[in-house]
Amino acid sequence: MPPGELRPADLRTLVTPRVAPASVLPLAVLPLVEEPLLAAYFYEGDPLLATGSVPAAAWAVLPEFEARLRAAVERPAGAAVDELPRGGARVLARFAGRG
């Protein structure tokens, strides 16, 4: 499948096992900039949590995309973030604070 045809669910699937992060992360960040709490498979915000959980070392070669994702992480607020499952609010806070 060409990269331009990957859906949010496809990108989440590739981000989670950290397959080719230098190629996949930029593709995953782009839709999240527009809609941070996008739903892919399981719940609203699951692609954001998967992408925000990627270790800092993977972002070292992608500082521009890390900054864009950090800005997207800071936009959703209140109940929407607090209701994210599996400690989602903590994951996003940790990612946002890495900069």
PDB file of N, CA and C in Angstrom:
ATOM      1  N   MET A   1       0.847  -1.166   0.000  1.00  0.00           N
ATOM      2  CA  MET A   1       0.000   0.000   0.000  1.00  0.00           C
ATOM      3  C   MET A   1       0.901   1.241   0.000  1.00  0.00           C
ATOM      4  N   PRO A   2       0.659   2.183  -0.893  1.00  0.00           N
ATOM      5  CA  PRO A   2       1.454   3.416  -0.909  1.00  0.00           C
ATOM      6  C   PRO A   2       1.241   4.207   0.383  1.00  0.00           C
ATOM      7  N   PRO A   3       2.284   4.901   0.858  1.00  0.00           N
ATOM      8  CA  PRO A   3       2.169   5.643   2.121  1.00  0.00           C
ATOM      9  C   PRO A   3       0.986   6.599   2.176  1.00  0.00           C
ATOM     10  N   GLY A   4       0.651   7.225   1.068  1.00  0.00           N
ATOM     11  CA  GLY A   4      -0.460   8.171   1.049  1.00  0.00           C
ATOM     12  C   GLY A   4      -1.817   7.528   1.259  1.00  0.00           C
ATOM     13  N   GLU A   5      -1.883   6.217   1.127  1.00  0.00           N
ATOM     14  CA  GLU A   5      -3.151   5.502   1.291  1.00  0.00           C
ATOM     15  C   GLU A   5      -3.303   4.876   2.677  1.00  0.00           C
ATOM     16  N   LEU A   6      -2.309   5.033   3.525  1.00  0.00           N
ATOM     17  CA  LEU A   6      -2.399   4.470   4.870  1.00  0.00           C
ATOM     18  C   LEU A   6      -3.439   5.229   5.683  1.00  0.00           C
ATOM     19  N   ARG A   7      -4.306   4.486   6.324  1.00  0.00           N
ATOM     20  CA  ARG A   7      -5.340   5.075   7.180  1.00  0.00           C
ATOM     21  C   ARG A   7      -4.795   5.187   8.604  1.00  0.00           C
ATOM     22  N   PRO A   8      -5.475   5.961   9.462  1.00  0.00           N
ATOM     23  CA  PRO A   8      -5.009   6.081  10.851  1.00  0.00           C
ATOM     24  C   PRO A   8      -4.807   4.721  11.527  1.00  0.00           C
ATOM     25  N   ALA A   9      -5.683   3.775  11.273  1.00  0.00           N
ATOM     26  CA  ALA A   9      -5.532   2.447  11.875  1.00  0.00           C
ATOM     27  C   ALA A   9      -4.260   1.759  11.370  1.00  0.00           C
ATOM     28  N   ASP A  10      -3.956   1.916  10.091  1.00  0.00           N
ATOM     29  CA  ASP A  10      -2.732   1.334   9.541  1.00  0.00           C
ATOM     30  C   ASP A  10      -1.496   1.950  10.200  1.00  0.00           C
ATOM     31  N   LEU A  11      -1.516   3.261  10.339  1.00  0.00           N
ATOM     32  CA  LEU A  11      -0.379   3.955  10.935  1.00  0.00           C
ATOM     33  C   LEU A  11      -0.201   3.564  12.394  1.00  0.00           C
ATOM     34  N   ARG A  12      -1.304   3.458  13.122  1.00  0.00           N
ATOM     35  CA  ARG A  12      -1.219   3.037  14.511  1.00  0.00           C
ATOM     36  C   ARG A  12      -0.609   1.643  14.607  1.00  0.00           C
ATOM     37  N   THR A  13      -1.004   0.761  13.697  1.00  0.00           N
ATOM     38  CA  THR A  13      -0.470  -0.594  13.678  1.00  0.00           C
ATOM     39  C   THR A  13       1.040  -0.583  13.431  1.00  0.00           C
ATOM     40  N   LEU A  14       1.512   0.302  12.579  1.00  0.00           N
ATOM     41  CA  LEU A  14       2.946   0.385  12.294  1.00  0.00           C
ATOM     42  C   LEU A  14       3.722   1.081  13.411  1.00  0.00           C
ATOM     43  N   VAL A  15       3.122   2.059  14.057  1.00  0.00           N
ATOM     44  CA  VAL A  15       3.806   2.803  15.125  1.00  0.00           C
ATOM     45  C   VAL A  15       3.992   1.927  16.357  1.00  0.00           C
ATOM     46  N   THR A  16       3.001   1.141  16.701  1.00  0.00           N
ATOM     47  CA  THR A  16       3.024   0.383  17.951  1.00  0.00           C
ATOM     48  C   THR A  16       4.239  -0.529  18.063  1.00  0.00           C
ATOM     49  N   PRO A  17       4.568  -1.345  17.065  1.00  0.00           N
ATOM     50  CA  PRO A  17       5.781  -2.174  17.207  1.00  0.00           C
ATOM     51  C   PRO A  17       7.058  -1.435  16.792  1.00  0.00           C
ATOM     52  N   ARG A  18       6.901  -0.144  16.488  1.00  0.00           N
ATOM     53  CA  ARG A  18       8.025   0.714  16.111  1.00  0.00           C
ATOM     54  C   ARG A  18       8.729   0.223  14.842  1.00  0.00           C
ATOM     55  N   VAL A  19       7.920  -0.063  13.835  1.00  0.00           N
ATOM     56  CA  VAL A  19       8.415  -0.472  12.527  1.00  0.00           C
ATOM     57  C   VAL A  19       8.888   0.756  11.771  1.00  0.00           C
ATOM     58  N   ALA A  20      10.132   0.798  11.353  1.00  0.00           N
ATOM     59  CA  ALA A  20      10.704   1.888  10.548  1.00  0.00           C
ATOM     60  C   ALA A  20      10.271   3.266  11.034  1.00  0.00           C
ATOM     61  N   PRO A  21      10.587   3.617  12.284  1.00  0.00           N
ATOM     62  CA  PRO A  21      10.073   4.877  12.835  1.00  0.00           C
ATOM     63  C   PRO A  21      10.428   6.127  12.032  1.00  0.00           C
ATOM     64  N   ALA A  22      11.586   6.166  11.423  1.00  0.00           N
ATOM     65  CA  ALA A  22      11.962   7.359  10.654  1.00  0.00           C
ATOM     66  C   ALA A  22      11.041   7.573   9.461  1.00  0.00           C
ATOM     67  N   SER A  23      10.450   6.507   8.976  1.00  0.00           N
ATOM     68  CA  SER A  23       9.517   6.615   7.849  1.00  0.00           C
ATOM     69  C   SER A  23       8.068   6.718   8.306  1.00  0.00           C
ATOM     70  N   VAL A  24       7.716   5.989   9.339  1.00  0.00           N
ATOM     71  CA  VAL A  24       6.330   5.898   9.773  1.00  0.00           C
ATOM     72  C   VAL A  24       5.905   7.089  10.630  1.00  0.00           C
ATOM     73  N   LEU A  25       6.757   7.547  11.528  1.00  0.00           N
ATOM     74  CA  LEU A  25       6.356   8.623  12.436  1.00  0.00           C
ATOM     75  C   LEU A  25       5.912   9.898  11.721  1.00  0.00           C
ATOM     76  N   PRO A  26       6.624  10.362  10.697  1.00  0.00           N
ATOM     77  CA  PRO A  26       6.122  11.554  10.001  1.00  0.00           C
ATOM     78  C   PRO A  26       4.722  11.344   9.417  1.00  0.00           C
ATOM     79  N   LEU A  27       4.460  10.165   8.886  1.00  0.00           N
ATOM     80  CA  LEU A  27       3.133   9.876   8.335  1.00  0.00           C
ATOM     81  C   LEU A  27       2.078   9.816   9.430  1.00  0.00           C
ATOM     82  N   ALA A  28       2.457   9.331  10.595  1.00  0.00           N
ATOM     83  CA  ALA A  28       1.511   9.223  11.703  1.00  0.00           C
ATOM     84  C   ALA A  28       1.201  10.585  12.317  1.00  0.00           C
ATOM     85  N   VAL A  29       2.176  11.478  12.328  1.00  0.00           N
ATOM     86  CA  VAL A  29       1.989  12.788  12.959  1.00  0.00           C
ATOM     87  C   VAL A  29       1.038  13.667  12.156  1.00  0.00           C
ATOM     88  N   LEU A  30       1.106  13.614  10.855  1.00  0.00           N
ATOM     89  CA  LEU A  30       0.333  14.539  10.022  1.00  0.00           C
ATOM     90  C   LEU A  30      -1.159  14.550  10.330  1.00  0.00           C
ATOM     91  N   PRO A  31      -1.856  13.406  10.392  1.00  0.00           N
ATOM     92  CA  PRO A  31      -3.290  13.488  10.716  1.00  0.00           C
ATOM     93  C   PRO A  31      -3.541  13.914  12.160  1.00  0.00           C
ATOM     94  N   LEU A  32      -2.586  13.646  13.048  1.00  0.00           N
ATOM     95  CA  LEU A  32      -2.767  14.015  14.456  1.00  0.00           C
ATOM     96  C   LEU A  32      -2.645  15.514  14.679  1.00  0.00           C
ATOM     97  N   VAL A  33      -1.925  16.183  13.805  1.00  0.00           N
ATOM     98  CA  VAL A  33      -1.830  17.641  13.890  1.00  0.00           C
ATOM     99  C   VAL A  33      -3.204  18.248  13.641  1.00  0.00           C
ATOM    100  N   GLU A  34      -3.932  17.664  12.725  1.00  0.00           N
ATOM    101  CA  GLU A  34      -5.281  18.156  12.392  1.00  0.00           C
ATOM    102  C   GLU A  34      -6.319  17.725  13.422  1.00  0.00           C
ATOM    103  N   GLU A  35      -6.208  16.485  13.886  1.00  0.00           N
ATOM    104  CA  GLU A  35      -7.215  15.927  14.795  1.00  0.00           C
ATOM    105  C   GLU A  35      -6.519  15.054  15.847  1.00  0.00           C
ATOM    106  N   PRO A  36      -6.039  15.664  16.929  1.00  0.00           N
ATOM    107  CA  PRO A  36      -5.243  14.922  17.917  1.00  0.00           C
ATOM    108  C   PRO A  36      -5.944  13.704  18.512  1.00  0.00           C
ATOM    109  N   LEU A  37      -7.232  13.781  18.751  1.00  0.00           N
ATOM    110  CA  LEU A  37      -7.928  12.662  19.381  1.00  0.00           C
ATOM    111  C   LEU A  37      -8.626  11.776  18.358  1.00  0.00           C
ATOM    112  N   LEU A  38      -8.041  11.667  17.203  1.00  0.00           N
ATOM    113  CA  LEU A  38      -8.503  10.786  16.139  1.00  0.00           C
ATOM    114  C   LEU A  38      -8.625   9.359  16.669  1.00  0.00           C
ATOM    115  N   ALA A  39      -9.651   8.660  16.265  1.00  0.00           N
ATOM    116  CA  ALA A  39      -9.830   7.254  16.647  1.00  0.00           C
ATOM    117  C   ALA A  39      -9.370   6.372  15.497  1.00  0.00           C
ATOM    118  N   ALA A  40      -8.679   5.289  15.830  1.00  0.00           N
ATOM    119  CA  ALA A  40      -8.228   4.356  14.800  1.00  0.00           C
ATOM    120  C   ALA A  40      -8.904   3.003  14.985  1.00  0.00           C
ATOM    121  N   TYR A  41      -8.548   2.319  16.046  1.00  0.00           N
ATOM    122  CA  TYR A  41      -9.089   0.983  16.290  1.00  0.00           C
ATOM    123  C   TYR A  41      -9.975   0.927  17.518  1.00  0.00           C
ATOM    124  N   PHE A  42      -9.394   1.300  18.630  1.00  0.00           N
ATOM    125  CA  PHE A  42      -9.981   0.955  19.914  1.00  0.00           C
ATOM    126  C   PHE A  42     -10.760   2.078  20.582  1.00  0.00           C
ATOM    127  N   TYR A  43     -10.257   3.282  20.527  1.00  0.00           N
ATOM    128  CA  TYR A  43     -10.881   4.391  21.236  1.00  0.00           C
ATOM    129  C   TYR A  43     -10.357   5.697  20.679  1.00  0.00           C
ATOM    130  N   GLU A  44     -11.067   6.764  20.996  1.00  0.00           N
ATOM    131  CA  GLU A  44     -10.643   8.098  20.582  1.00  0.00           C
ATOM    132  C   GLU A  44      -9.258   8.372  21.181  1.00  0.00           C
ATOM    133  N   GLY A  45      -8.314   8.755  20.342  1.00  0.00           N
ATOM    134  CA  GLY A  45      -6.970   9.091  20.808  1.00  0.00           C
ATOM    135  C   GLY A  45      -5.974   7.951  20.777  1.00  0.00           C
ATOM    136  N   ASP A  46      -6.368   6.759  20.327  1.00  0.00           N
ATOM    137  CA  ASP A  46      -5.401   5.656  20.356  1.00  0.00           C
ATOM    138  C   ASP A  46      -4.197   5.864  19.444  1.00  0.00           C
ATOM    139  N   PRO A  47      -4.321   6.494  18.261  1.00  0.00           N
ATOM    140  CA  PRO A  47      -3.094   6.760  17.491  1.00  0.00           C
ATOM    141  C   PRO A  47      -2.184   7.766  18.196  1.00  0.00           C
ATOM    142  N   LEU A  48      -2.772   8.743  18.870  1.00  0.00           N
ATOM    143  CA  LEU A  48      -1.976   9.735  19.591  1.00  0.00           C
ATOM    144  C   LEU A  48      -1.204   9.086  20.730  1.00  0.00           C
ATOM    145  N   LEU A  49      -1.861   8.204  21.468  1.00  0.00           N
ATOM    146  CA  LEU A  49      -1.167   7.523  22.557  1.00  0.00           C
ATOM    147  C   LEU A  49      -0.065   6.613  22.038  1.00  0.00           C
ATOM    148  N   ALA A  50      -0.329   5.902  20.953  1.00  0.00           N
ATOM    149  CA  ALA A  50       0.702   5.031  20.383  1.00  0.00           C
ATOM    150  C   ALA A  50       1.905   5.849  19.934  1.00  0.00           C
ATOM    151  N   THR A  51       1.654   6.956  19.284  1.00  0.00           N
ATOM    152  CA  THR A  51       2.727   7.798  18.770  1.00  0.00           C
ATOM    153  C   THR A  51       3.454   8.507  19.911  1.00  0.00           C
ATOM    154  N   GLY A  52       2.712   8.957  20.903  1.00  0.00           N
ATOM    155  CA  GLY A  52       3.323   9.617  22.051  1.00  0.00           C
ATOM    156  C   GLY A  52       4.110   8.680  22.934  1.00  0.00           C
ATOM    157  N   SER A  53       3.901   7.362  22.796  1.00  0.00           N
ATOM    158  CA  SER A  53       4.614   6.366  23.588  1.00  0.00           C
ATOM    159  C   SER A  53       5.941   5.937  22.965  1.00  0.00           C
ATOM    160  N   VAL A  54       6.214   6.400  21.770  1.00  0.00           N
ATOM    161  CA  VAL A  54       7.467   6.038  21.099  1.00  0.00           C
ATOM    162  C   VAL A  54       8.631   6.647  21.888  1.00  0.00           C
ATOM    163  N   PRO A  55       9.680   5.876  22.139  1.00  0.00           N
ATOM    164  CA  PRO A  55      10.808   6.388  22.921  1.00  0.00           C
ATOM    165  C   PRO A  55      11.462   7.628  22.300  1.00  0.00           C
ATOM    166  N   ALA A  56      12.019   8.449  23.154  1.00  0.00           N
ATOM    167  CA  ALA A  56      12.664   9.693  22.726  1.00  0.00           C
ATOM    168  C   ALA A  56      13.742   9.455  21.671  1.00  0.00           C
ATOM    169  N   ALA A  57      14.435   8.358  21.753  1.00  0.00           N
ATOM    170  CA  ALA A  57      15.518   8.075  20.799  1.00  0.00           C
ATOM    171  C   ALA A  57      14.999   8.018  19.360  1.00  0.00           C
ATOM    172  N   ALA A  58      13.792   7.538  19.172  1.00  0.00           N
ATOM    173  CA  ALA A  58      13.226   7.452  17.819  1.00  0.00           C
ATOM    174  C   ALA A  58      12.948   8.832  17.247  1.00  0.00           C
ATOM    175  N   TRP A  59      12.694   9.798  18.122  1.00  0.00           N
ATOM    176  CA  TRP A  59      12.391  11.156  17.667  1.00  0.00           C
ATOM    177  C   TRP A  59      13.648  11.970  17.398  1.00  0.00           C
ATOM    178  N   ALA A  60      14.801  11.483  17.809  1.00  0.00           N
ATOM    179  CA  ALA A  60      16.044  12.249  17.688  1.00  0.00           C
ATOM    180  C   ALA A  60      16.326  12.682  16.252  1.00  0.00           C
ATOM    181  N   VAL A  61      15.954  11.869  15.291  1.00  0.00           N
ATOM    182  CA  VAL A  61      16.192  12.212  13.880  1.00  0.00           C
ATOM    183  C   VAL A  61      15.001  12.940  13.260  1.00  0.00           C
ATOM    184  N   LEU A  62      13.962  13.183  14.068  1.00  0.00           N
ATOM    185  CA  LEU A  62      12.730  13.810  13.568  1.00  0.00           C
ATOM    186  C   LEU A  62      12.293  14.971  14.461  1.00  0.00           C
ATOM    187  N   PRO A  63      13.180  15.902  14.789  1.00  0.00           N
ATOM    188  CA  PRO A  63      12.808  16.952  15.742  1.00  0.00           C
ATOM    189  C   PRO A  63      11.625  17.810  15.287  1.00  0.00           C
ATOM    190  N   GLU A  64      11.495  18.051  14.003  1.00  0.00           N
ATOM    191  CA  GLU A  64      10.372  18.861  13.518  1.00  0.00           C
ATOM    192  C   GLU A  64       9.047  18.152  13.767  1.00  0.00           C
ATOM    193  N   PHE A  65       9.016  16.850  13.509  1.00  0.00           N
ATOM    194  CA  PHE A  65       7.774  16.098  13.708  1.00  0.00           C
ATOM    195  C   PHE A  65       7.490  15.902  15.191  1.00  0.00           C
ATOM    196  N   GLU A  66       8.522  15.771  15.991  1.00  0.00           N
ATOM    197  CA  GLU A  66       8.320  15.685  17.431  1.00  0.00           C
ATOM    198  C   GLU A  66       7.690  16.985  17.950  1.00  0.00           C
ATOM    199  N   ALA A  67       8.183  18.115  17.463  1.00  0.00           N
ATOM    200  CA  ALA A  67       7.633  19.412  17.876  1.00  0.00           C
ATOM    201  C   ALA A  67       6.180  19.556  17.429  1.00  0.00           C
ATOM    202  N   ARG A  68       5.878  19.087  16.234  1.00  0.00           N
ATOM    203  CA  ARG A  68       4.497  19.172  15.738  1.00  0.00           C
ATOM    204  C   ARG A  68       3.563  18.295  16.561  1.00  0.00           C
ATOM    205  N   LEU A  69       4.044  17.108  16.916  1.00  0.00           N
ATOM    206  CA  LEU A  69       3.226  16.227  17.737  1.00  0.00           C
ATOM    207  C   LEU A  69       3.071  16.805  19.140  1.00  0.00           C
ATOM    208  N   ARG A  70       4.122  17.381  19.672  1.00  0.00           N
ATOM    209  CA  ARG A  70       4.040  17.988  21.005  1.00  0.00           C
ATOM    210  C   ARG A  70       2.968  19.095  21.010  1.00  0.00           C
ATOM    211  N   ALA A  71       2.941  19.902  19.971  1.00  0.00           N
ATOM    212  CA  ALA A  71       1.924  20.954  19.871  1.00  0.00           C
ATOM    213  C   ALA A  71       0.525  20.342  19.795  1.00  0.00           C
ATOM    214  N   ALA A  72       0.381  19.244  19.074  1.00  0.00           N
ATOM    215  CA  ALA A  72      -0.916  18.574  18.966  1.00  0.00           C
ATOM    216  C   ALA A  72      -1.334  17.977  20.304  1.00  0.00           C
ATOM    217  N   VAL A  73      -0.364  17.459  21.061  1.00  0.00           N
ATOM    218  CA  VAL A  73      -0.645  16.868  22.370  1.00  0.00           C
ATOM    219  C   VAL A  73      -1.157  17.930  23.328  1.00  0.00           C
ATOM    220  N   GLU A  74      -0.668  19.124  23.208  1.00  0.00           N
ATOM    221  CA  GLU A  74      -1.036  20.189  24.131  1.00  0.00           C
ATOM    222  C   GLU A  74      -2.415  20.775  23.844  1.00  0.00           C
ATOM    223  N   ARG A  75      -2.979  20.523  22.657  1.00  0.00           N
ATOM    224  CA  ARG A  75      -4.282  21.101  22.296  1.00  0.00           C
ATOM    225  C   ARG A  75      -5.474  20.444  22.976  1.00  0.00           C
ATOM    226  N   PRO A  76      -5.603  19.109  22.952  1.00  0.00           N
ATOM    227  CA  PRO A  76      -6.780  18.525  23.601  1.00  0.00           C
ATOM    228  C   PRO A  76      -6.732  18.814  25.096  1.00  0.00           C
ATOM    229  N   ALA A  77      -7.861  19.077  25.662  1.00  0.00           N
ATOM    230  CA  ALA A  77      -7.858  19.445  27.071  1.00  0.00           C
ATOM    231  C   ALA A  77      -9.025  18.816  27.802  1.00  0.00           C
ATOM    232  N   GLY A  78      -8.928  18.897  29.080  1.00  0.00           N
ATOM    233  CA  GLY A  78     -10.033  18.554  29.958  1.00  0.00           C
ATOM    234  C   GLY A  78     -10.459  17.116  29.918  1.00  0.00           C
ATOM    235  N   ALA A  79     -11.773  16.924  29.928  1.00  0.00           N
ATOM    236  CA  ALA A  79     -12.364  15.607  30.082  1.00  0.00           C
ATOM    237  C   ALA A  79     -11.939  14.644  28.979  1.00  0.00           C
ATOM    238  N   ALA A  80     -11.785  15.125  27.752  1.00  0.00           N
ATOM    239  CA  ALA A  80     -11.415  14.232  26.651  1.00  0.00           C
ATOM    240  C   ALA A  80     -10.093  13.533  26.929  1.00  0.00           C
ATOM    241  N   VAL A  81      -9.123  14.252  27.453  1.00  0.00           N
ATOM    242  CA  VAL A  81      -7.818  13.662  27.768  1.00  0.00           C
ATOM    243  C   VAL A  81      -7.913  12.841  29.048  1.00  0.00           C
ATOM    244  N   ASP A  82      -8.614  13.341  30.040  1.00  0.00           N
ATOM    245  CA  ASP A  82      -8.741  12.632  31.316  1.00  0.00           C
ATOM    246  C   ASP A  82      -9.419  11.273  31.141  1.00  0.00           C
ATOM    247  N   GLU A  83     -10.263  11.149  30.137  1.00  0.00           N
ATOM    248  CA  GLU A  83     -10.997   9.905  29.914  1.00  0.00           C
ATOM    249  C   GLU A  83     -10.243   8.898  29.051  1.00  0.00           C
ATOM    250  N   LEU A  84      -9.069   9.230  28.583  1.00  0.00           N
ATOM    251  CA  LEU A  84      -8.299   8.281  27.791  1.00  0.00           C
ATOM    252  C   LEU A  84      -7.944   7.071  28.657  1.00  0.00           C
ATOM    253  N   PRO A  85      -8.082   5.863  28.110  1.00  0.00           N
ATOM    254  CA  PRO A  85      -7.783   4.670  28.898  1.00  0.00           C
ATOM    255  C   PRO A  85      -6.281   4.446  29.063  1.00  0.00           C
ATOM    256  N   ARG A  86      -5.959   3.476  29.924  1.00  0.00           N
ATOM    257  CA  ARG A  86      -4.587   2.982  30.092  1.00  0.00           C
ATOM    258  C   ARG A  86      -3.587   4.086  30.437  1.00  0.00           C
ATOM    259  N   GLY A  87      -3.973   5.002  31.284  1.00  0.00           N
ATOM    260  CA  GLY A  87      -3.057   6.054  31.703  1.00  0.00           C
ATOM    261  C   GLY A  87      -2.704   7.027  30.605  1.00  0.00           C
ATOM    262  N   GLY A  88      -3.604   7.201  29.662  1.00  0.00           N
ATOM    263  CA  GLY A  88      -3.351   8.047  28.499  1.00  0.00           C
ATOM    264  C   GLY A  88      -2.955   9.468  28.839  1.00  0.00           C
ATOM    265  N   ALA A  89      -3.611  10.052  29.822  1.00  0.00           N
ATOM    266  CA  ALA A  89      -3.287  11.437  30.192  1.00  0.00           C
ATOM    267  C   ALA A  89      -1.840  11.534  30.676  1.00  0.00           C
ATOM    268  N   ARG A  90      -1.374  10.546  31.433  1.00  0.00           N
ATOM    269  CA  ARG A  90       0.027  10.535  31.903  1.00  0.00           C
ATOM    270  C   ARG A  90       1.006  10.349  30.742  1.00  0.00           C
ATOM    271  N   VAL A  91       0.656   9.471  29.804  1.00  0.00           N
ATOM    272  CA  VAL A  91       1.524   9.242  28.642  1.00  0.00           C
ATOM    273  C   VAL A  91       1.697  10.539  27.860  1.00  0.00           C
ATOM    274  N   LEU A  92       0.591  11.231  27.629  1.00  0.00           N
ATOM    275  CA  LEU A  92       0.662  12.472  26.861  1.00  0.00           C
ATOM    276  C   LEU A  92       1.401  13.566  27.631  1.00  0.00           C
ATOM    277  N   ALA A  93       1.188  13.647  28.924  1.00  0.00           N
ATOM    278  CA  ALA A  93       1.900  14.629  29.737  1.00  0.00           C
ATOM    279  C   ALA A  93       3.403  14.361  29.727  1.00  0.00           C
ATOM    280  N   ARG A  94       3.781  13.095  29.805  1.00  0.00           N
ATOM    281  CA  ARG A  94       5.198  12.732  29.768  1.00  0.00           C
ATOM    282  C   ARG A  94       5.819  13.111  28.421  1.00  0.00           C
ATOM    283  N   PHE A  95       5.102  12.813  27.325  1.00  0.00           N
ATOM    284  CA  PHE A  95       5.611  13.168  25.992  1.00  0.00           C
ATOM    285  C   PHE A  95       5.750  14.670  25.856  1.00  0.00           C
ATOM    286  N   ALA A  96       4.738  15.416  26.259  1.00  0.00           N
ATOM    287  CA  ALA A  96       4.752  16.876  26.121  1.00  0.00           C
ATOM    288  C   ALA A  96       5.865  17.501  26.943  1.00  0.00           C
ATOM    289  N   GLY A  97       6.226  16.890  28.041  1.00  0.00           N
ATOM    290  CA  GLY A  97       7.259  17.429  28.900  1.00  0.00           C
ATOM    291  C   GLY A  97       8.674  17.085  28.512  1.00  0.00           C
ATOM    292  N   ARG A  98       8.838  16.275  27.454  1.00  0.00           N
ATOM    293  CA  ARG A  98      10.186  15.847  27.051  1.00  0.00           C
ATOM    294  C   ARG A  98      10.987  16.941  26.376  1.00  0.00           C
ATOM    295  N   GLY A  99      10.362  17.976  25.903  1.00  0.00           N
ATOM    296  CA  GLY A  99      11.061  18.934  25.065  1.00  0.00           C
ATOM    297  C   GLY A  99      11.979  19.824  25.719  1.00  0.00           C
TER     298      GLY A  99
END
